[in-house]
Amino acid sequence: MPSNRAKGSYNKLKTRKWYEQDGYTVYDLELKKSVWVKSRIIYTNCDTAGADLLAMRAAIADDPGEIIFIQCKSNSSDISKATREFSRHPFPTFVKRHVVLWELRAREPKVIEL
């Protein structure tokens, strides 16, 4: 049984490849931060604007292009947590926000657009 961190990294990579196949350029928004705890450094992950990934597609002819902030989830119970995190940040109206849920052994994710 893989750890939660390994499962999350795997699902984030699958999401990245899934959006890239659709013609998006995808960037990682998860940052590593160092925190001093009891005279030692602990590294922790921190999402930028509540998202794991940023997907962009340039404007071509009639297609105006898109900017999507993506939060990847492995458990359906975590979807509400992702929506709360997205609501804490001021996004412009033209920016889309997706919560991508990868269920166990699924070939395609469930995409929830906010």
PDB file of N, CA and C in Angstrom:
ATOM      1  N   MET A   1       0.842  -1.175   0.000  1.00  0.00           N
ATOM      2  CA  MET A   1       0.000   0.000   0.000  1.00  0.00           C
ATOM      3  C   MET A   1       0.888   1.239   0.000  1.00  0.00           C
ATOM      4  N   PRO A   2       0.751   2.103  -1.005  1.00  0.00           N
ATOM      5  CA  PRO A   2       1.594   3.306  -1.049  1.00  0.00           C
ATOM      6  C   PRO A   2       1.171   4.315   0.011  1.00  0.00           C
ATOM      7  N   SER A   3       2.106   5.172   0.369  1.00  0.00           N
ATOM      8  CA  SER A   3       1.797   6.208   1.352  1.00  0.00           C
ATOM      9  C   SER A   3       0.914   7.280   0.711  1.00  0.00           C
ATOM     10  N   ASN A   4       0.322   8.117   1.534  1.00  0.00           N
ATOM     11  CA  ASN A   4      -0.521   9.202   1.022  1.00  0.00           C
ATOM     12  C   ASN A   4       0.281  10.173   0.168  1.00  0.00           C
ATOM     13  N   ARG A   5       1.517  10.436   0.566  1.00  0.00           N
ATOM     14  CA  ARG A   5       2.381  11.342  -0.198  1.00  0.00           C
ATOM     15  C   ARG A   5       2.676  10.760  -1.575  1.00  0.00           C
ATOM     16  N   ALA A   6       2.982   9.461  -1.637  1.00  0.00           N
ATOM     17  CA  ALA A   6       3.275   8.815  -2.915  1.00  0.00           C
ATOM     18  C   ALA A   6       2.040   8.802  -3.813  1.00  0.00           C
ATOM     19  N   LYS A   7       0.883   8.528  -3.227  1.00  0.00           N
ATOM     20  CA  LYS A   7      -0.358   8.503  -3.999  1.00  0.00           C
ATOM     21  C   LYS A   7      -0.684   9.903  -4.530  1.00  0.00           C
ATOM     22  N   GLY A   8      -0.473  10.920  -3.710  1.00  0.00           N
ATOM     23  CA  GLY A   8      -0.732  12.290  -4.142  1.00  0.00           C
ATOM     24  C   GLY A   8       0.201  12.729  -5.259  1.00  0.00           C
ATOM     25  N   SER A   9       1.480  12.374  -5.144  1.00  0.00           N
ATOM     26  CA  SER A   9       2.446  12.718  -6.188  1.00  0.00           C
ATOM     27  C   SER A   9       2.117  12.016  -7.496  1.00  0.00           C
ATOM     28  N   TYR A  10       1.717  10.764  -7.400  1.00  0.00           N
ATOM     29  CA  TYR A  10       1.346   9.997  -8.587  1.00  0.00           C
ATOM     30  C   TYR A  10       0.115  10.602  -9.262  1.00  0.00           C
ATOM     31  N   ASN A  11      -0.887  10.971  -8.479  1.00  0.00           N
ATOM     32  CA  ASN A  11      -2.092  11.568  -9.048  1.00  0.00           C
ATOM     33  C   ASN A  11      -1.823  12.955  -9.626  1.00  0.00           C
ATOM     34  N   LYS A  12      -0.910  13.694  -9.026  1.00  0.00           N
ATOM     35  CA  LYS A  12      -0.545  15.005  -9.560  1.00  0.00           C
ATOM     36  C   LYS A  12       0.154  14.849 -10.915  1.00  0.00           C
ATOM     37  N   LEU A  13       1.006  13.842 -11.036  1.00  0.00           N
ATOM     38  CA  LEU A  13       1.681  13.578 -12.306  1.00  0.00           C
ATOM     39  C   LEU A  13       0.674  13.133 -13.371  1.00  0.00           C
ATOM     40  N   LYS A  14      -0.292  12.279 -12.989  1.00  0.00           N
ATOM     41  CA  LYS A  14      -1.326  11.855 -13.934  1.00  0.00           C
ATOM     42  C   LYS A  14      -2.160  13.040 -14.401  1.00  0.00           C
ATOM     43  N   THR A  15      -2.476  13.940 -13.488  1.00  0.00           N
ATOM     44  CA  THR A  15      -3.254  15.120 -13.836  1.00  0.00           C
ATOM     45  C   THR A  15      -2.477  16.004 -14.794  1.00  0.00           C
ATOM     46  N   ARG A  16      -1.206  16.186 -14.503  1.00  0.00           N
ATOM     47  CA  ARG A  16      -0.348  16.997 -15.376  1.00  0.00           C
ATOM     48  C   ARG A  16      -0.332  16.442 -16.794  1.00  0.00           C
ATOM     49  N   LYS A  17      -0.117  15.140 -16.921  1.00  0.00           N
ATOM     50  CA  LYS A  17      -0.084  14.508 -18.244  1.00  0.00           C
ATOM     51  C   LYS A  17      -1.441  14.582 -18.931  1.00  0.00           C
ATOM     52  N   TRP A  18      -2.533  14.453 -18.164  1.00  0.00           N
ATOM     53  CA  TRP A  18      -3.876  14.496 -18.722  1.00  0.00           C
ATOM     54  C   TRP A  18      -4.169  15.868 -19.339  1.00  0.00           C
ATOM     55  N   TYR A  19      -3.767  16.949 -18.648  1.00  0.00           N
ATOM     56  CA  TYR A  19      -3.969  18.295 -19.181  1.00  0.00           C
ATOM     57  C   TYR A  19      -3.012  18.581 -20.349  1.00  0.00           C
ATOM     58  N   GLU A  20      -1.786  18.086 -20.289  1.00  0.00           N
ATOM     59  CA  GLU A  20      -0.840  18.298 -21.382  1.00  0.00           C
ATOM     60  C   GLU A  20      -1.305  17.617 -22.660  1.00  0.00           C
ATOM     61  N   GLN A  21      -1.953  16.461 -22.545  1.00  0.00           N
ATOM     62  CA  GLN A  21      -2.495  15.788 -23.723  1.00  0.00           C
ATOM     63  C   GLN A  21      -3.610  16.611 -24.365  1.00  0.00           C
ATOM     64  N   ASP A  22      -4.252  17.456 -23.576  1.00  0.00           N
ATOM     65  CA  ASP A  22      -5.333  18.296 -24.082  1.00  0.00           C
ATOM     66  C   ASP A  22      -4.808  19.631 -24.622  1.00  0.00           C
ATOM     67  N   GLY A  23      -3.493  19.807 -24.670  1.00  0.00           N
ATOM     68  CA  GLY A  23      -2.898  20.997 -25.269  1.00  0.00           C
ATOM     69  C   GLY A  23      -2.537  22.110 -24.308  1.00  0.00           C
ATOM     70  N   TYR A  24      -2.543  21.857 -23.022  1.00  0.00           N
ATOM     71  CA  TYR A  24      -2.196  22.861 -22.023  1.00  0.00           C
ATOM     72  C   TYR A  24      -0.713  22.792 -21.693  1.00  0.00           C
ATOM     73  N   THR A  25      -0.169  23.916 -21.275  1.00  0.00           N
ATOM     74  CA  THR A  25       1.152  23.970 -20.666  1.00  0.00           C
ATOM     75  C   THR A  25       0.915  24.001 -19.167  1.00  0.00           C
ATOM     76  N   VAL A  26       1.548  23.078 -18.433  1.00  0.00           N
ATOM     77  CA  VAL A  26       1.241  22.894 -17.017  1.00  0.00           C
ATOM     78  C   VAL A  26       2.468  23.225 -16.171  1.00  0.00           C
ATOM     79  N   TYR A  27       2.244  23.985 -15.103  1.00  0.00           N
ATOM     80  CA  TYR A  27       3.298  24.377 -14.165  1.00  0.00           C
ATOM     81  C   TYR A  27       2.938  23.889 -12.761  1.00  0.00           C
ATOM     82  N   ASP A  28       3.960  23.530 -12.005  1.00  0.00           N
ATOM     83  CA  ASP A  28       3.776  23.074 -10.630  1.00  0.00           C
ATOM     84  C   ASP A  28       3.726  24.290  -9.704  1.00  0.00           C
ATOM     85  N   LEU A  29       2.701  24.372  -8.880  1.00  0.00           N
ATOM     86  CA  LEU A  29       2.547  25.495  -7.949  1.00  0.00           C
ATOM     87  C   LEU A  29       2.841  25.113  -6.506  1.00  0.00           C
ATOM     88  N   GLU A  30       3.188  23.864  -6.265  1.00  0.00           N
ATOM     89  CA  GLU A  30       3.459  23.412  -4.904  1.00  0.00           C
ATOM     90  C   GLU A  30       4.900  23.767  -4.545  1.00  0.00           C
ATOM     91  N   LEU A  31       5.068  24.568  -3.511  1.00  0.00           N
ATOM     92  CA  LEU A  31       6.388  25.024  -3.086  1.00  0.00           C
ATOM     93  C   LEU A  31       6.839  24.281  -1.844  1.00  0.00           C
ATOM     94  N   LYS A  32       8.142  24.117  -1.708  1.00  0.00           N
ATOM     95  CA  LYS A  32       8.717  23.567  -0.484  1.00  0.00           C
ATOM     96  C   LYS A  32       9.155  24.725   0.391  1.00  0.00           C
ATOM     97  N   LYS A  33       8.721  24.709   1.637  1.00  0.00           N
ATOM     98  CA  LYS A  33       9.115  25.742   2.590  1.00  0.00           C
ATOM     99  C   LYS A  33       9.837  25.085   3.748  1.00  0.00           C
ATOM    100  N   SER A  34      10.812  25.804   4.284  1.00  0.00           N
ATOM    101  CA  SER A  34      11.543  25.291   5.441  1.00  0.00           C
ATOM    102  C   SER A  34      11.030  25.977   6.701  1.00  0.00           C
ATOM    103  N   VAL A  35      10.878  25.180   7.760  1.00  0.00           N
ATOM    104  CA  VAL A  35      10.380  25.677   9.036  1.00  0.00           C
ATOM    105  C   VAL A  35      11.324  25.178  10.130  1.00  0.00           C
ATOM    106  N   TRP A  36      11.722  26.105  11.020  1.00  0.00           N
ATOM    107  CA  TRP A  36      12.552  25.721  12.151  1.00  0.00           C
ATOM    108  C   TRP A  36      11.665  25.201  13.277  1.00  0.00           C
ATOM    109  N   VAL A  37      11.931  23.965  13.720  1.00  0.00           N
ATOM    110  CA  VAL A  37      11.200  23.371  14.831  1.00  0.00           C
ATOM    111  C   VAL A  37      12.213  22.712  15.765  1.00  0.00           C
ATOM    112  N   LYS A  38      12.282  23.203  16.978  1.00  0.00           N
ATOM    113  CA  LYS A  38      13.180  22.642  17.997  1.00  0.00           C
ATOM    114  C   LYS A  38      14.603  22.470  17.479  1.00  0.00           C
ATOM    115  N   SER A  39      15.165  23.557  16.986  1.00  0.00           N
ATOM    116  CA  SER A  39      16.547  23.654  16.495  1.00  0.00           C
ATOM    117  C   SER A  39      16.862  22.714  15.328  1.00  0.00           C
ATOM    118  N   ARG A  40      15.868  22.394  14.522  1.00  0.00           N
ATOM    119  CA  ARG A  40      16.127  21.652  13.281  1.00  0.00           C
ATOM    120  C   ARG A  40      15.159  22.139  12.202  1.00  0.00           C
ATOM    121  N   ILE A  41      15.495  21.881  10.966  1.00  0.00           N
ATOM    122  CA  ILE A  41      14.687  22.336   9.850  1.00  0.00           C
ATOM    123  C   ILE A  41      13.786  21.207   9.373  1.00  0.00           C
ATOM    124  N   ILE A  42      12.513  21.525   9.208  1.00  0.00           N
ATOM    125  CA  ILE A  42      11.550  20.588   8.633  1.00  0.00           C
ATOM    126  C   ILE A  42      11.033  21.213   7.344  1.00  0.00           C
ATOM    127  N   TYR A  43      11.005  20.438   6.277  1.00  0.00           N
ATOM    128  CA  TYR A  43      10.512  20.928   5.000  1.00  0.00           C
ATOM    129  C   TYR A  43       9.057  20.503   4.824  1.00  0.00           C
ATOM    130  N   THR A  44       8.246  21.445   4.373  1.00  0.00           N
ATOM    131  CA  THR A  44       6.829  21.178   4.186  1.00  0.00           C
ATOM    132  C   THR A  44       6.382  21.719   2.840  1.00  0.00           C
ATOM    133  N   ASN A  45       5.343  21.130   2.275  1.00  0.00           N
ATOM    134  CA  ASN A  45       4.798  21.594   1.005  1.00  0.00           C
ATOM    135  C   ASN A  45       3.751  22.664   1.270  1.00  0.00           C
ATOM    136  N   CYS A  46       3.718  23.660   0.396  1.00  0.00           N
ATOM    137  CA  CYS A  46       2.758  24.748   0.519  1.00  0.00           C
ATOM    138  C   CYS A  46       2.196  25.043  -0.869  1.00  0.00           C
ATOM    139  N   ASP A  47       0.879  24.992  -0.995  1.00  0.00           N
ATOM    140  CA  ASP A  47       0.233  25.266  -2.277  1.00  0.00           C
ATOM    141  C   ASP A  47       0.149  26.772  -2.510  1.00  0.00           C
ATOM    142  N   THR A  48       0.362  27.186  -3.755  1.00  0.00           N
ATOM    143  CA  THR A  48       0.211  28.576  -4.138  1.00  0.00           C
ATOM    144  C   THR A  48      -1.235  28.802  -4.554  1.00  0.00           C
ATOM    145  N   ALA A  49      -1.900  29.738  -3.919  1.00  0.00           N
ATOM    146  CA  ALA A  49      -3.309  30.069  -4.189  1.00  0.00           C
ATOM    147  C   ALA A  49      -4.209  28.847  -4.058  1.00  0.00           C
ATOM    148  N   GLY A  50      -3.859  27.918  -3.203  1.00  0.00           N
ATOM    149  CA  GLY A  50      -4.684  26.738  -2.960  1.00  0.00           C
ATOM    150  C   GLY A  50      -4.650  25.707  -4.070  1.00  0.00           C
ATOM    151  N   ALA A  51      -3.693  25.805  -4.989  1.00  0.00           N
ATOM    152  CA  ALA A  51      -3.657  24.898  -6.138  1.00  0.00           C
ATOM    153  C   ALA A  51      -2.339  24.138  -6.210  1.00  0.00           C
ATOM    154  N   ASP A  52      -2.409  22.938  -6.779  1.00  0.00           N
ATOM    155  CA  ASP A  52      -1.209  22.135  -7.013  1.00  0.00           C
ATOM    156  C   ASP A  52      -0.573  22.461  -8.357  1.00  0.00           C
ATOM    157  N   LEU A  53      -1.413  22.720  -9.359  1.00  0.00           N
ATOM    158  CA  LEU A  53      -0.942  22.930 -10.725  1.00  0.00           C
ATOM    159  C   LEU A  53      -1.608  24.151 -11.345  1.00  0.00           C
ATOM    160  N   LEU A  54      -0.932  24.722 -12.344  1.00  0.00           N
ATOM    161  CA  LEU A  54      -1.474  25.797 -13.153  1.00  0.00           C
ATOM    162  C   LEU A  54      -1.395  25.352 -14.604  1.00  0.00           C
ATOM    163  N   ALA A  55      -2.536  25.332 -15.288  1.00  0.00           N
ATOM    164  CA  ALA A  55      -2.585  24.939 -16.697  1.00  0.00           C
ATOM    165  C   ALA A  55      -2.993  26.143 -17.532  1.00  0.00           C
ATOM    166  N   MET A  56      -2.256  26.379 -18.631  1.00  0.00           N
ATOM    167  CA  MET A  56      -2.551  27.499 -19.514  1.00  0.00           C
ATOM    168  C   MET A  56      -2.560  27.013 -20.959  1.00  0.00           C
ATOM    169  N   ARG A  57      -3.491  27.584 -21.724  1.00  0.00           N
ATOM    170  CA  ARG A  57      -3.538  27.311 -23.158  1.00  0.00           C
ATOM    171  C   ARG A  57      -3.642  28.658 -23.854  1.00  0.00           C
ATOM    172  N   ALA A  58      -2.768  28.877 -24.837  1.00  0.00           N
ATOM    173  CA  ALA A  58      -2.712  30.152 -25.543  1.00  0.00           C
ATOM    174  C   ALA A  58      -3.917  30.326 -26.459  1.00  0.00           C
ATOM    175  N   ALA A  59      -4.223  31.572 -26.758  1.00  0.00           N
ATOM    176  CA  ALA A  59      -5.327  31.894 -27.664  1.00  0.00           C
ATOM    177  C   ALA A  59      -4.931  31.557 -29.092  1.00  0.00           C
ATOM    178  N   ILE A  60      -5.801  30.809 -29.775  1.00  0.00           N
ATOM    179  CA  ILE A  60      -5.575  30.441 -31.172  1.00  0.00           C
ATOM    180  C   ILE A  60      -6.874  30.680 -31.930  1.00  0.00           C
ATOM    181  N   ALA A  61      -6.829  31.504 -32.961  1.00  0.00           N
ATOM    182  CA  ALA A  61      -7.981  31.804 -33.819  1.00  0.00           C
ATOM    183  C   ALA A  61      -9.199  32.195 -32.978  1.00  0.00           C
ATOM    184  N   ASP A  62     -10.261  31.374 -32.978  1.00  0.00           N
ATOM    185  CA  ASP A  62     -11.498  31.702 -32.251  1.00  0.00           C
ATOM    186  C   ASP A  62     -11.436  31.318 -30.784  1.00  0.00           C
ATOM    187  N   ASP A  63     -10.477  30.467 -30.413  1.00  0.00           N
ATOM    188  CA  ASP A  63     -10.342  30.027 -29.022  1.00  0.00           C
ATOM    189  C   ASP A  63      -9.615  31.108 -28.225  1.00  0.00           C
ATOM    190  N   PRO A  64     -10.243  31.676 -27.176  1.00  0.00           N
ATOM    191  CA  PRO A  64      -9.609  32.774 -26.435  1.00  0.00           C
ATOM    192  C   PRO A  64      -8.482  32.337 -25.494  1.00  0.00           C
ATOM    193  N   GLY A  65      -8.286  31.048 -25.294  1.00  0.00           N
ATOM    194  CA  GLY A  65      -7.284  30.578 -24.358  1.00  0.00           C
ATOM    195  C   GLY A  65      -7.865  30.434 -22.957  1.00  0.00           C
ATOM    196  N   GLU A  66      -7.123  29.779 -22.084  1.00  0.00           N
ATOM    197  CA  GLU A  66      -7.617  29.528 -20.727  1.00  0.00           C
ATOM    198  C   GLU A  66      -6.479  29.538 -19.720  1.00  0.00           C
ATOM    199  N   ILE A  67      -6.830  29.873 -18.497  1.00  0.00           N
ATOM    200  CA  ILE A  67      -5.953  29.721 -17.339  1.00  0.00           C
ATOM    201  C   ILE A  67      -6.745  28.940 -16.300  1.00  0.00           C
ATOM    202  N   ILE A  68      -6.175  27.820 -15.841  1.00  0.00           N
ATOM    203  CA  ILE A  68      -6.871  26.960 -14.884  1.00  0.00           C
ATOM    204  C   ILE A  68      -5.963  26.674 -13.697  1.00  0.00           C
ATOM    205  N   PHE A  69      -6.449  26.938 -12.494  1.00  0.00           N
ATOM    206  CA  PHE A  69      -5.775  26.517 -11.273  1.00  0.00           C
ATOM    207  C   PHE A  69      -6.358  25.159 -10.888  1.00  0.00           C
ATOM    208  N   ILE A  70      -5.497  24.178 -10.622  1.00  0.00           N
ATOM    209  CA  ILE A  70      -5.933  22.797 -10.423  1.00  0.00           C
ATOM    210  C   ILE A  70      -5.502  22.300  -9.050  1.00  0.00           C
ATOM    211  N   GLN A  71      -6.442  21.710  -8.336  1.00  0.00           N
ATOM    212  CA  GLN A  71      -6.161  21.019  -7.076  1.00  0.00           C
ATOM    213  C   GLN A  71      -6.459  19.542  -7.304  1.00  0.00           C
ATOM    214  N   CYS A  72      -5.466  18.679  -7.079  1.00  0.00           N
ATOM    215  CA  CYS A  72      -5.607  17.233  -7.289  1.00  0.00           C
ATOM    216  C   CYS A  72      -5.990  16.569  -5.972  1.00  0.00           C
ATOM    217  N   LYS A  73      -6.951  15.665  -6.041  1.00  0.00           N
ATOM    218  CA  LYS A  73      -7.406  14.943  -4.852  1.00  0.00           C
ATOM    219  C   LYS A  73      -7.516  13.459  -5.144  1.00  0.00           C
ATOM    220  N   SER A  74      -7.252  12.642  -4.118  1.00  0.00           N
ATOM    221  CA  SER A  74      -7.372  11.190  -4.226  1.00  0.00           C
ATOM    222  C   SER A  74      -8.617  10.675  -3.521  1.00  0.00           C
ATOM    223  N   ASN A  75      -9.118  11.442  -2.554  1.00  0.00           N
ATOM    224  CA  ASN A  75     -10.289  11.036  -1.772  1.00  0.00           C
ATOM    225  C   ASN A  75     -11.435  12.002  -2.018  1.00  0.00           C
ATOM    226  N   SER A  76     -12.619  11.466  -2.229  1.00  0.00           N
ATOM    227  CA  SER A  76     -13.784  12.330  -2.478  1.00  0.00           C
ATOM    228  C   SER A  76     -14.161  13.143  -1.246  1.00  0.00           C
ATOM    229  N   SER A  77     -13.755  12.700  -0.072  1.00  0.00           N
ATOM    230  CA  SER A  77     -14.074  13.443   1.147  1.00  0.00           C
ATOM    231  C   SER A  77     -13.269  14.737   1.262  1.00  0.00           C
ATOM    232  N   ASP A  78     -12.195  14.879   0.471  1.00  0.00           N
ATOM    233  CA  ASP A  78     -11.349  16.073   0.530  1.00  0.00           C
ATOM    234  C   ASP A  78     -11.789  17.173  -0.432  1.00  0.00           C
ATOM    235  N   ILE A  79     -12.836  16.946  -1.210  1.00  0.00           N
ATOM    236  CA  ILE A  79     -13.266  17.929  -2.205  1.00  0.00           C
ATOM    237  C   ILE A  79     -13.732  19.211  -1.534  1.00  0.00           C
ATOM    238  N   SER A  80     -14.479  19.109  -0.457  1.00  0.00           N
ATOM    239  CA  SER A  80     -14.965  20.305   0.229  1.00  0.00           C
ATOM    240  C   SER A  80     -13.808  21.120   0.799  1.00  0.00           C
ATOM    241  N   LYS A  81     -12.754  20.453   1.234  1.00  0.00           N
ATOM    242  CA  LYS A  81     -11.575  21.148   1.731  1.00  0.00           C
ATOM    243  C   LYS A  81     -10.915  21.956   0.609  1.00  0.00           C
ATOM    244  N   ALA A  82     -10.861  21.379  -0.578  1.00  0.00           N
ATOM    245  CA  ALA A  82     -10.272  22.078  -1.721  1.00  0.00           C
ATOM    246  C   ALA A  82     -11.116  23.276  -2.140  1.00  0.00           C
ATOM    247  N   THR A  83     -12.431  23.131  -2.113  1.00  0.00           N
ATOM    248  CA  THR A  83     -13.294  24.257  -2.490  1.00  0.00           C
ATOM    249  C   THR A  83     -13.186  25.395  -1.469  1.00  0.00           C
ATOM    250  N   ARG A  84     -13.067  25.055  -0.191  1.00  0.00           N
ATOM    251  CA  ARG A  84     -12.876  26.095   0.836  1.00  0.00           C
ATOM    252  C   ARG A  84     -11.550  26.818   0.624  1.00  0.00           C
ATOM    253  N   GLU A  85     -10.508  26.075   0.291  1.00  0.00           N
ATOM    254  CA  GLU A  85      -9.190  26.677   0.071  1.00  0.00           C
ATOM    255  C   GLU A  85      -9.217  27.614  -1.139  1.00  0.00           C
ATOM    256  N   PHE A  86      -9.882  27.204  -2.206  1.00  0.00           N
ATOM    257  CA  PHE A  86     -10.004  28.072  -3.378  1.00  0.00           C
ATOM    258  C   PHE A  86     -10.790  29.332  -3.057  1.00  0.00           C
ATOM    259  N   SER A  87     -11.810  29.233  -2.213  1.00  0.00           N
ATOM    260  CA  SER A  87     -12.641  30.391  -1.902  1.00  0.00           C
ATOM    261  C   SER A  87     -11.898  31.437  -1.065  1.00  0.00           C
ATOM    262  N   ARG A  88     -10.787  31.064  -0.459  1.00  0.00           N
ATOM    263  CA  ARG A  88     -10.011  31.997   0.357  1.00  0.00           C
ATOM    264  C   ARG A  88      -9.184  32.972  -0.488  1.00  0.00           C
ATOM    265  N   HIS A  89      -9.038  32.678  -1.791  1.00  0.00           N
ATOM    266  CA  HIS A  89      -8.168  33.481  -2.652  1.00  0.00           C
ATOM    267  C   HIS A  89      -9.000  34.241  -3.690  1.00  0.00           C
ATOM    268  N   PRO A  90      -8.606  35.479  -3.984  1.00  0.00           N
ATOM    269  CA  PRO A  90      -9.369  36.285  -4.954  1.00  0.00           C
ATOM    270  C   PRO A  90      -8.939  35.980  -6.389  1.00  0.00           C
ATOM    271  N   PHE A  91      -9.741  35.210  -7.104  1.00  0.00           N
ATOM    272  CA  PHE A  91      -9.451  34.884  -8.493  1.00  0.00           C
ATOM    273  C   PHE A  91     -10.258  35.792  -9.414  1.00  0.00           C
ATOM    274  N   PRO A  92      -9.673  36.253 -10.525  1.00  0.00           N
ATOM    275  CA  PRO A  92     -10.453  37.012 -11.505  1.00  0.00           C
ATOM    276  C   PRO A  92     -11.515  36.121 -12.146  1.00  0.00           C
ATOM    277  N   THR A  93     -12.500  36.717 -12.754  1.00  0.00           N
ATOM    278  CA  THR A  93     -13.616  35.950 -13.315  1.00  0.00           C
ATOM    279  C   THR A  93     -13.201  35.095 -14.501  1.00  0.00           C
ATOM    280  N   PHE A  94     -12.144  35.473 -15.223  1.00  0.00           N
ATOM    281  CA  PHE A  94     -11.737  34.701 -16.401  1.00  0.00           C
ATOM    282  C   PHE A  94     -10.885  33.477 -16.053  1.00  0.00           C
ATOM    283  N   VAL A  95     -10.480  33.343 -14.804  1.00  0.00           N
ATOM    284  CA  VAL A  95      -9.663  32.208 -14.370  1.00  0.00           C
ATOM    285  C   VAL A  95     -10.577  31.083 -13.898  1.00  0.00           C
ATOM    286  N   LYS A  96     -10.295  29.871 -14.379  1.00  0.00           N
ATOM    287  CA  LYS A  96     -11.079  28.707 -13.959  1.00  0.00           C
ATOM    288  C   LYS A  96     -10.366  28.003 -12.808  1.00  0.00           C
ATOM    289  N   ARG A  97     -11.156  27.327 -11.987  1.00  0.00           N
ATOM    290  CA  ARG A  97     -10.618  26.534 -10.885  1.00  0.00           C
ATOM    291  C   ARG A  97     -11.198  25.134 -10.993  1.00  0.00           C
ATOM    292  N   HIS A  98     -10.331  24.144 -11.017  1.00  0.00           N
ATOM    293  CA  HIS A  98     -10.768  22.752 -11.124  1.00  0.00           C
ATOM    294  C   HIS A  98     -10.271  21.953  -9.926  1.00  0.00           C
ATOM    295  N   VAL A  99     -11.138  21.108  -9.402  1.00  0.00           N
ATOM    296  CA  VAL A  99     -10.739  20.095  -8.431  1.00  0.00           C
ATOM    297  C   VAL A  99     -10.803  18.782  -9.195  1.00  0.00           C
ATOM    298  N   VAL A 100      -9.657  18.115  -9.293  1.00  0.00           N
ATOM    299  CA  VAL A 100      -9.552  16.887 -10.071  1.00  0.00           C
ATOM    300  C   VAL A 100      -9.467  15.709  -9.109  1.00  0.00           C
ATOM    301  N   LEU A 101     -10.424  14.807  -9.212  1.00  0.00           N
ATOM    302  CA  LEU A 101     -10.504  13.646  -8.328  1.00  0.00           C
ATOM    303  C   LEU A 101     -10.149  12.389  -9.105  1.00  0.00           C
ATOM    304  N   TRP A 102      -9.121  11.698  -8.654  1.00  0.00           N
ATOM    305  CA  TRP A 102      -8.734  10.411  -9.237  1.00  0.00           C
ATOM    306  C   TRP A 102      -9.197   9.311  -8.295  1.00  0.00           C
ATOM    307  N   GLU A 103     -10.212   8.583  -8.702  1.00  0.00           N
ATOM    308  CA  GLU A 103     -10.659   7.452  -7.904  1.00  0.00           C
ATOM    309  C   GLU A 103      -9.750   6.256  -8.176  1.00  0.00           C
ATOM    310  N   LEU A 104      -9.781   5.298  -7.301  1.00  0.00           N
ATOM    311  CA  LEU A 104      -8.913   4.138  -7.386  1.00  0.00           C
ATOM    312  C   LEU A 104      -9.128   3.396  -8.705  1.00  0.00           C
ATOM    313  N   ARG A 105      -8.046   3.173  -9.433  1.00  0.00           N
ATOM    314  CA  ARG A 105      -8.014   2.453 -10.710  1.00  0.00           C
ATOM    315  C   ARG A 105      -8.851   3.106 -11.811  1.00  0.00           C
ATOM    316  N   ALA A 106      -9.089   4.404 -11.727  1.00  0.00           N
ATOM    317  CA  ALA A 106      -9.852   5.111 -12.756  1.00  0.00           C
ATOM    318  C   ALA A 106      -8.922   5.530 -13.893  1.00  0.00           C
ATOM    319  N   ARG A 107      -9.420   5.432 -15.117  1.00  0.00           N
ATOM    320  CA  ARG A 107      -8.635   5.853 -16.278  1.00  0.00           C
ATOM    321  C   ARG A 107      -8.801   7.338 -16.556  1.00  0.00           C
ATOM    322  N   GLU A 108      -9.938   7.885 -16.181  1.00  0.00           N
ATOM    323  CA  GLU A 108     -10.230   9.299 -16.371  1.00  0.00           C
ATOM    324  C   GLU A 108     -10.599   9.909 -15.017  1.00  0.00           C
ATOM    325  N   PRO A 109     -10.191  11.139 -14.777  1.00  0.00           N
ATOM    326  CA  PRO A 109     -10.541  11.776 -13.506  1.00  0.00           C
ATOM    327  C   PRO A 109     -11.934  12.392 -13.558  1.00  0.00           C
ATOM    328  N   LYS A 110     -12.466  12.671 -12.390  1.00  0.00           N
ATOM    329  CA  LYS A 110     -13.673  13.485 -12.290  1.00  0.00           C
ATOM    330  C   LYS A 110     -13.207  14.920 -12.078  1.00  0.00           C
ATOM    331  N   VAL A 111     -13.652  15.809 -12.944  1.00  0.00           N
ATOM    332  CA  VAL A 111     -13.235  17.216 -12.872  1.00  0.00           C
ATOM    333  C   VAL A 111     -14.430  18.029 -12.382  1.00  0.00           C
ATOM    334  N   ILE A 112     -14.232  18.719 -11.277  1.00  0.00           N
ATOM    335  CA  ILE A 112     -15.258  19.577 -10.704  1.00  0.00           C
ATOM    336  C   ILE A 112     -14.818  21.015 -10.922  1.00  0.00           C
ATOM    337  N   GLU A 113     -15.607  21.743 -11.727  1.00  0.00           N
ATOM    338  CA  GLU A 113     -15.274  23.133 -12.008  1.00  0.00           C
ATOM    339  C   GLU A 113     -16.001  24.033 -11.023  1.00  0.00           C
ATOM    340  N   LEU A 114     -15.264  24.949 -10.410  1.00  0.00           N
ATOM    341  CA  LEU A 114     -15.840  25.871  -9.430  1.00  0.00           C
ATOM    342  C   LEU A 114     -16.116  27.217 -10.057  1.00  0.00           C
TER     343      LEU A 114
END
